[in-house]
Amino acid sequence: MLVSIITGFLTGLIATALTDREDRMGCMGNILVGWVGSWLGQLLFGSWGPRLWGLPFIPAILGACIVLVLFVRRNDFR
């Protein structure tokens, strides 16, 4: 369980940095984005690339970037 939390956090943190988001989601937000992004990334892109504790890391990061871009509310319209 702890490995899953750490991996989700790292995936969400890297995806947040890659998408250049200005608003902060906190640790729980990064973990949730990492988990959902990992699931979506493996569903869309498969299981290729380097693995971190059994998780294909590149598809997980790509999926987390998609989740951030599509589903997390942005404050651009104020």
N, C-alpha and C. Protein backbone atom coordinates (compact mmCIF):
# COMPACT_ATOMS: atom_id res chain seq x y z
N MET A 1 0.82 -1.19 0.00
CA MET A 1 0.00 0.00 0.00
C MET A 1 0.87 1.26 0.00
N LEU A 2 1.91 1.26 0.80
CA LEU A 2 2.79 2.42 0.86
C LEU A 2 3.51 2.64 -0.46
N VAL A 3 3.90 1.57 -1.13
CA VAL A 3 4.55 1.68 -2.43
C VAL A 3 3.59 2.28 -3.45
N SER A 4 2.33 1.90 -3.39
CA SER A 4 1.32 2.45 -4.30
C SER A 4 1.12 3.94 -4.07
N ILE A 5 1.13 4.36 -2.83
CA ILE A 5 0.98 5.78 -2.50
C ILE A 5 2.18 6.58 -2.99
N ILE A 6 3.37 6.06 -2.75
CA ILE A 6 4.59 6.76 -3.19
C ILE A 6 4.65 6.85 -4.71
N THR A 7 4.33 5.76 -5.39
CA THR A 7 4.35 5.76 -6.85
C THR A 7 3.30 6.71 -7.42
N GLY A 8 2.11 6.73 -6.85
CA GLY A 8 1.08 7.67 -7.29
C GLY A 8 1.49 9.11 -7.07
N PHE A 9 2.14 9.38 -5.94
CA PHE A 9 2.60 10.73 -5.66
C PHE A 9 3.66 11.17 -6.65
N LEU A 10 4.64 10.30 -6.92
CA LEU A 10 5.70 10.64 -7.88
C LEU A 10 5.14 10.85 -9.28
N THR A 11 4.22 9.99 -9.68
CA THR A 11 3.61 10.13 -11.00
C THR A 11 2.83 11.43 -11.10
N GLY A 12 2.03 11.75 -10.10
CA GLY A 12 1.28 13.00 -10.10
C GLY A 12 2.17 14.22 -10.04
N LEU A 13 3.25 14.14 -9.28
CA LEU A 13 4.18 15.25 -9.16
C LEU A 13 4.88 15.54 -10.49
N ILE A 14 5.33 14.50 -11.17
CA ILE A 14 5.99 14.68 -12.46
C ILE A 14 5.01 15.19 -13.50
N ALA A 15 3.79 14.66 -13.51
CA ALA A 15 2.78 15.13 -14.46
C ALA A 15 2.41 16.58 -14.21
N THR A 16 2.34 16.98 -12.95
CA THR A 16 2.05 18.37 -12.62
C THR A 16 3.17 19.29 -13.11
N ALA A 17 4.40 18.85 -12.97
CA ALA A 17 5.53 19.65 -13.44
C ALA A 17 5.56 19.73 -14.97
N LEU A 18 5.22 18.64 -15.65
CA LEU A 18 5.23 18.63 -17.11
C LEU A 18 4.12 19.48 -17.72
N THR A 19 2.97 19.55 -17.07
CA THR A 19 1.86 20.33 -17.62
C THR A 19 1.92 21.78 -17.18
N ASP A 20 2.91 22.16 -16.39
CA ASP A 20 3.15 23.55 -15.97
C ASP A 20 1.91 24.15 -15.31
N ARG A 21 1.41 23.47 -14.30
CA ARG A 21 0.23 23.95 -13.58
C ARG A 21 0.65 24.93 -12.50
N GLU A 22 -0.10 26.00 -12.35
CA GLU A 22 0.22 27.01 -11.35
C GLU A 22 -0.49 26.76 -10.02
N ASP A 23 -1.70 26.19 -10.06
CA ASP A 23 -2.41 25.93 -8.81
C ASP A 23 -1.91 24.64 -8.19
N ARG A 24 -1.91 24.60 -6.88
CA ARG A 24 -1.39 23.45 -6.16
C ARG A 24 -2.54 22.54 -5.73
N MET A 25 -2.31 21.24 -5.85
CA MET A 25 -3.34 20.27 -5.48
C MET A 25 -3.05 19.61 -4.15
N GLY A 26 -1.83 19.69 -3.67
CA GLY A 26 -1.45 19.04 -2.43
C GLY A 26 -1.07 17.59 -2.65
N CYS A 27 -0.68 16.95 -1.59
CA CYS A 27 -0.22 15.56 -1.68
C CYS A 27 -1.33 14.61 -2.11
N MET A 28 -2.50 14.76 -1.51
CA MET A 28 -3.61 13.86 -1.86
C MET A 28 -4.05 14.04 -3.30
N GLY A 29 -4.04 15.27 -3.79
CA GLY A 29 -4.39 15.52 -5.18
C GLY A 29 -3.40 14.88 -6.13
N ASN A 30 -2.11 14.99 -5.81
CA ASN A 30 -1.09 14.35 -6.64
C ASN A 30 -1.21 12.83 -6.63
N ILE A 31 -1.50 12.27 -5.47
CA ILE A 31 -1.66 10.82 -5.37
C ILE A 31 -2.86 10.36 -6.20
N LEU A 32 -3.99 11.05 -6.10
CA LEU A 32 -5.17 10.67 -6.87
C LEU A 32 -4.96 10.81 -8.37
N VAL A 33 -4.33 11.92 -8.78
CA VAL A 33 -4.02 12.10 -10.20
C VAL A 33 -3.07 11.01 -10.68
N GLY A 34 -2.11 10.64 -9.85
CA GLY A 34 -1.17 9.57 -10.20
C GLY A 34 -1.86 8.24 -10.34
N TRP A 35 -2.76 7.90 -9.43
CA TRP A 35 -3.47 6.63 -9.51
C TRP A 35 -4.39 6.56 -10.73
N VAL A 36 -5.20 7.58 -10.92
CA VAL A 36 -6.12 7.58 -12.06
C VAL A 36 -5.32 7.65 -13.36
N GLY A 37 -4.26 8.46 -13.38
CA GLY A 37 -3.43 8.55 -14.57
C GLY A 37 -2.72 7.26 -14.90
N SER A 38 -2.30 6.53 -13.89
CA SER A 38 -1.67 5.23 -14.13
C SER A 38 -2.64 4.25 -14.75
N TRP A 39 -3.84 4.23 -14.24
CA TRP A 39 -4.86 3.35 -14.81
C TRP A 39 -5.18 3.73 -16.25
N LEU A 40 -5.38 5.01 -16.49
CA LEU A 40 -5.71 5.48 -17.83
C LEU A 40 -4.54 5.29 -18.79
N GLY A 41 -3.34 5.56 -18.34
CA GLY A 41 -2.16 5.40 -19.18
C GLY A 41 -1.94 3.96 -19.59
N GLN A 42 -2.12 3.02 -18.68
CA GLN A 42 -1.97 1.61 -19.03
C GLN A 42 -3.09 1.15 -19.93
N LEU A 43 -4.27 1.70 -19.75
CA LEU A 43 -5.40 1.34 -20.61
C LEU A 43 -5.17 1.83 -22.04
N LEU A 44 -4.68 3.06 -22.18
CA LEU A 44 -4.50 3.65 -23.51
C LEU A 44 -3.19 3.25 -24.18
N PHE A 45 -2.10 3.20 -23.43
CA PHE A 45 -0.78 3.03 -24.02
C PHE A 45 -0.13 1.68 -23.76
N GLY A 46 -0.70 0.86 -22.90
CA GLY A 46 -0.14 -0.45 -22.64
C GLY A 46 0.92 -0.44 -21.54
N SER A 47 1.71 -1.50 -21.51
CA SER A 47 2.71 -1.69 -20.44
C SER A 47 4.11 -1.74 -21.03
N TRP A 48 4.63 -0.63 -21.43
CA TRP A 48 5.97 -0.58 -22.01
C TRP A 48 6.82 0.42 -21.23
N GLY A 49 8.10 0.40 -21.48
CA GLY A 49 9.00 1.36 -20.85
C GLY A 49 9.53 0.88 -19.52
N PRO A 50 10.31 1.73 -18.89
CA PRO A 50 10.89 1.36 -17.58
C PRO A 50 9.80 1.23 -16.52
N ARG A 51 10.08 0.37 -15.56
CA ARG A 51 9.11 0.11 -14.49
C ARG A 51 9.63 0.61 -13.16
N LEU A 52 8.73 1.15 -12.38
CA LEU A 52 9.04 1.58 -11.02
C LEU A 52 8.13 0.78 -10.10
N TRP A 53 8.68 -0.17 -9.38
CA TRP A 53 7.93 -1.08 -8.49
C TRP A 53 6.80 -1.78 -9.24
N GLY A 54 7.08 -2.22 -10.45
CA GLY A 54 6.11 -2.97 -11.22
C GLY A 54 5.18 -2.12 -12.06
N LEU A 55 5.25 -0.81 -11.94
CA LEU A 55 4.37 0.10 -12.69
C LEU A 55 5.12 0.63 -13.91
N PRO A 56 4.56 0.45 -15.10
CA PRO A 56 5.19 1.07 -16.28
C PRO A 56 5.08 2.59 -16.17
N PHE A 57 6.21 3.24 -15.95
CA PHE A 57 6.23 4.62 -15.50
C PHE A 57 5.88 5.62 -16.61
N ILE A 58 6.32 5.41 -17.83
CA ILE A 58 6.05 6.38 -18.90
C ILE A 58 4.56 6.41 -19.27
N PRO A 59 3.89 5.27 -19.48
CA PRO A 59 2.44 5.35 -19.73
C PRO A 59 1.67 5.94 -18.54
N ALA A 60 2.15 5.72 -17.32
CA ALA A 60 1.49 6.30 -16.15
C ALA A 60 1.60 7.82 -16.15
N ILE A 61 2.76 8.34 -16.50
CA ILE A 61 2.94 9.79 -16.54
C ILE A 61 2.11 10.40 -17.67
N LEU A 62 2.09 9.74 -18.82
CA LEU A 62 1.27 10.24 -19.94
C LEU A 62 -0.21 10.26 -19.56
N GLY A 63 -0.67 9.21 -18.90
CA GLY A 63 -2.06 9.17 -18.46
C GLY A 63 -2.37 10.24 -17.42
N ALA A 64 -1.45 10.48 -16.51
CA ALA A 64 -1.66 11.52 -15.50
C ALA A 64 -1.69 12.91 -16.14
N CYS A 65 -0.88 13.13 -17.16
CA CYS A 65 -0.92 14.41 -17.89
C CYS A 65 -2.27 14.59 -18.57
N ILE A 66 -2.80 13.52 -19.14
CA ILE A 66 -4.12 13.60 -19.77
C ILE A 66 -5.19 13.92 -18.75
N VAL A 67 -5.13 13.29 -17.59
CA VAL A 67 -6.10 13.55 -16.53
C VAL A 67 -6.02 15.01 -16.09
N LEU A 68 -4.81 15.53 -15.93
CA LEU A 68 -4.66 16.92 -15.51
C LEU A 68 -5.21 17.89 -16.55
N VAL A 69 -4.91 17.64 -17.79
CA VAL A 69 -5.35 18.56 -18.85
C VAL A 69 -6.86 18.51 -19.04
N LEU A 70 -7.45 17.34 -18.99
CA LEU A 70 -8.87 17.20 -19.30
C LEU A 70 -9.81 17.40 -18.13
N PHE A 71 -9.44 16.93 -16.95
CA PHE A 71 -10.42 16.84 -15.89
C PHE A 71 -10.21 17.75 -14.70
N VAL A 72 -9.03 18.28 -14.52
CA VAL A 72 -8.80 19.14 -13.37
C VAL A 72 -9.11 20.57 -13.77
N ARG A 73 -9.94 21.22 -12.99
CA ARG A 73 -10.42 22.56 -13.30
C ARG A 73 -9.27 23.54 -13.29
N ARG A 74 -9.23 24.35 -14.31
CA ARG A 74 -8.20 25.38 -14.40
C ARG A 74 -8.84 26.74 -14.14
N ASN A 75 -8.10 27.65 -13.59
CA ASN A 75 -8.60 28.96 -13.24
C ASN A 75 -8.28 30.00 -14.32
N ASP A 76 -8.30 29.60 -15.57
CA ASP A 76 -7.95 30.51 -16.67
C ASP A 76 -9.10 31.43 -17.06
N PHE A 77 -10.33 31.13 -16.66
CA PHE A 77 -11.48 31.87 -17.16
C PHE A 77 -11.96 32.93 -16.19
N ARG A 78 -11.18 33.32 -15.23
CA ARG A 78 -11.60 34.35 -14.26
C ARG A 78 -11.43 35.72 -14.82
